[in-house]
N, C-alpha and C. Protein backbone atom coordinates (compact mmCIF):
# COMPACT_ATOMS: atom_id res chain seq x y z
N MET A 1 0.69 -1.01 -0.01
CA MET A 1 -0.06 0.07 0.00
C MET A 1 0.90 1.39 -0.03
N PHE A 2 0.32 2.47 -0.57
CA PHE A 2 1.12 3.58 -0.69
C PHE A 2 0.18 4.52 -0.35
N HIS A 3 0.69 5.63 0.34
CA HIS A 3 0.04 6.68 0.77
C HIS A 3 0.64 7.96 0.04
N VAL A 4 -0.63 8.78 -0.49
CA VAL A 4 -0.37 10.08 -1.03
C VAL A 4 -0.73 11.05 0.25
N TYR A 5 0.13 12.06 0.63
CA TYR A 5 -0.13 12.79 1.99
C TYR A 5 -0.15 14.16 1.59
N VAL A 6 -0.67 14.75 2.31
CA VAL A 6 -0.39 16.60 2.39
C VAL A 6 -0.04 16.91 3.86
N LEU A 7 0.95 17.59 3.94
CA LEU A 7 1.39 18.31 5.13
C LEU A 7 1.05 19.83 5.05
N HIS A 8 0.94 20.43 6.37
CA HIS A 8 0.88 21.67 6.45
C HIS A 8 1.47 22.20 7.53
N SER A 9 2.42 23.36 7.23
CA SER A 9 3.30 23.93 8.31
C SER A 9 2.53 25.30 8.88
N ALA A 10 1.86 25.40 9.93
CA ALA A 10 1.02 26.32 10.47
C ALA A 10 1.79 27.85 10.61
N HIS A 11 3.12 27.54 10.88
CA HIS A 11 3.70 28.92 11.20
C HIS A 11 4.23 29.56 9.88
N THR A 12 4.34 28.94 8.82
CA THR A 12 4.75 29.58 7.43
C THR A 12 3.50 29.35 6.61
N GLY A 13 2.61 28.43 6.63
CA GLY A 13 1.60 28.44 5.76
C GLY A 13 1.73 27.56 4.72
N LYS A 14 2.96 27.04 4.54
CA LYS A 14 3.51 26.12 3.49
C LYS A 14 2.67 24.90 3.55
N ILE A 15 2.48 24.30 2.23
CA ILE A 15 1.76 22.73 2.06
C ILE A 15 3.00 21.90 1.39
N TYR A 16 2.93 20.75 1.87
CA TYR A 16 4.10 19.76 1.18
C TYR A 16 2.96 18.47 0.75
N ILE A 17 3.31 18.05 -0.58
CA ILE A 17 2.67 16.77 -0.94
C ILE A 17 3.68 15.74 -1.23
N GLY A 18 3.62 14.49 -0.86
CA GLY A 18 4.38 13.45 -1.15
C GLY A 18 3.76 12.06 -1.15
N PHE A 19 4.46 11.34 -1.33
CA PHE A 19 3.94 9.78 -1.40
C PHE A 19 4.92 8.80 -0.51
N THR A 20 4.31 7.76 0.15
CA THR A 20 5.32 6.85 0.99
C THR A 20 4.74 5.56 1.17
N SER A 21 5.32 4.67 1.38
CA SER A 21 4.86 3.24 1.77
C SER A 21 4.64 3.26 3.25
N ASN A 22 5.11 4.19 3.84
CA ASN A 22 5.24 4.20 5.55
C ASN A 22 4.75 5.51 6.11
N ILE A 23 3.53 5.97 6.08
CA ILE A 23 3.17 7.26 6.56
C ILE A 23 3.58 7.76 7.95
N GLU A 24 3.25 6.67 8.80
CA GLU A 24 3.94 7.22 10.01
C GLU A 24 5.39 7.58 10.32
N ALA A 25 6.21 6.64 9.49
CA ALA A 25 7.54 6.80 9.81
C ALA A 25 7.95 7.99 8.70
N ARG A 26 7.38 8.31 7.84
CA ARG A 26 7.57 9.63 6.82
C ARG A 26 7.28 10.89 7.65
N LEU A 27 6.02 10.97 8.57
CA LEU A 27 5.84 12.21 9.22
C LEU A 27 6.73 12.29 10.36
N ILE A 28 7.23 11.23 10.96
CA ILE A 28 8.31 11.48 12.12
C ILE A 28 9.57 11.81 11.43
N ALA A 29 9.90 11.36 10.16
CA ALA A 29 11.16 12.05 9.44
C ALA A 29 11.12 13.31 9.15
N HIS A 30 9.91 13.64 8.62
CA HIS A 30 9.65 15.28 8.30
C HIS A 30 9.87 16.18 9.46
N ASN A 31 9.35 15.71 10.64
CA ASN A 31 9.45 16.39 11.85
C ASN A 31 10.80 16.37 12.72
N HIS A 32 11.63 15.40 12.32
CA HIS A 32 12.74 15.17 13.20
C HIS A 32 14.02 16.12 13.28
N PRO A 33 14.44 16.45 14.28
CA PRO A 33 15.60 17.57 14.33
C PRO A 33 16.60 17.21 13.35
N SER A 34 16.97 16.19 13.04
CA SER A 34 18.15 15.80 12.21
C SER A 34 17.48 15.85 10.62
N ASN A 35 16.28 16.17 10.18
CA ASN A 35 16.07 16.49 8.93
C ASN A 35 16.72 17.51 8.28
N LYS A 36 17.59 17.13 7.13
CA LYS A 36 18.28 17.87 6.52
C LYS A 36 17.57 18.55 5.17
N GLY A 37 16.39 18.01 4.80
CA GLY A 37 15.93 18.49 3.42
C GLY A 37 15.02 19.63 3.34
N TRP A 38 14.71 19.78 2.29
CA TRP A 38 13.62 21.29 2.15
C TRP A 38 12.55 21.44 3.22
N THR A 39 12.01 20.43 3.97
CA THR A 39 10.91 20.41 4.67
C THR A 39 11.71 20.93 5.96
N MET A 40 13.01 20.82 6.34
CA MET A 40 13.54 21.12 7.67
C MET A 40 13.06 22.61 8.03
N SER A 41 13.05 23.57 7.14
CA SER A 41 12.71 25.03 7.37
C SER A 41 11.33 25.36 7.66
N PHE A 42 10.71 24.12 7.69
CA PHE A 42 8.99 24.69 7.94
C PHE A 42 8.41 23.83 8.96
N MET A 43 9.20 23.14 9.85
CA MET A 43 8.83 22.29 10.97
C MET A 43 8.04 23.31 11.76
N PRO A 44 7.17 22.69 12.42
CA PRO A 44 6.62 21.22 12.48
C PRO A 44 5.65 21.28 11.57
N TRP A 45 5.50 19.99 10.99
CA TRP A 45 4.37 19.54 9.74
C TRP A 45 3.24 19.14 10.64
N LYS A 46 2.06 19.32 10.12
CA LYS A 46 1.01 18.34 10.43
C LYS A 46 0.39 17.57 9.34
N LEU A 47 0.12 16.56 9.45
CA LEU A 47 -0.85 15.72 8.32
C LEU A 47 -2.12 16.04 8.30
N ILE A 48 -2.54 16.77 7.16
CA ILE A 48 -3.72 17.18 7.12
C ILE A 48 -4.87 16.38 6.00
N HIS A 49 -3.98 15.45 5.50
CA HIS A 49 -4.92 14.78 4.36
C HIS A 49 -3.91 13.45 4.01
N SER A 50 -4.67 12.44 3.70
CA SER A 50 -3.94 11.28 3.07
C SER A 50 -4.85 10.28 2.34
N GLU A 51 -4.41 9.77 1.31
CA GLU A 51 -5.22 8.80 0.43
C GLU A 51 -4.34 7.55 0.05
N VAL A 52 -4.80 6.29 0.01
CA VAL A 52 -4.34 5.07 0.03
C VAL A 52 -4.34 4.51 -1.30
N TYR A 53 -3.41 3.88 -1.83
CA TYR A 53 -3.29 3.48 -3.44
C TYR A 53 -2.69 1.88 -3.33
N GLU A 54 -3.16 1.14 -3.99
CA GLU A 54 -2.72 -0.34 -3.97
C GLU A 54 -1.13 -0.22 -4.92
N ALA A 55 -1.06 0.58 -5.93
CA ALA A 55 -0.04 0.56 -6.93
C ALA A 55 0.57 1.78 -6.48
N LYS A 56 2.17 1.47 -6.68
CA LYS A 56 2.80 2.73 -6.42
C LYS A 56 2.96 3.75 -7.51
N GLU A 57 2.76 3.41 -9.00
CA GLU A 57 2.44 3.92 -9.98
C GLU A 57 1.09 4.84 -9.76
N ASP A 58 0.20 4.61 -9.24
CA ASP A 58 -1.10 5.46 -8.91
C ASP A 58 -0.82 6.41 -7.90
N ALA A 59 -0.19 5.89 -6.85
CA ALA A 59 0.20 7.17 -5.86
C ALA A 59 1.11 8.08 -6.41
N MET A 60 2.23 7.68 -7.22
CA MET A 60 3.07 8.79 -7.75
C MET A 60 2.29 9.64 -8.71
N ALA A 61 1.29 9.15 -9.67
CA ALA A 61 0.53 10.00 -10.58
C ALA A 61 -0.32 10.89 -9.80
N ARG A 62 -0.81 10.44 -8.58
CA ARG A 62 -1.75 11.39 -7.84
C ARG A 62 -0.97 12.41 -7.09
N GLU A 63 0.13 12.22 -6.61
CA GLU A 63 1.18 13.02 -5.94
C GLU A 63 1.32 14.33 -6.89
N LYS A 64 1.74 13.92 -8.22
CA LYS A 64 1.96 14.85 -9.14
C LYS A 64 0.74 15.70 -9.48
């Protein structure tokens, strides 16, 4: 199963859309202090929406 998810940063108003096979771990990674990616500057992130897909290709298409 694959999840397409939408995160919101309340203090900046930013939205982030991604996909993953482990939504719980991905949310932890986005909010972890050692996060060095683009999302680091906009923490904390809150999950505001998610959708489940059987096929990775479908999740990738929806993310785009």
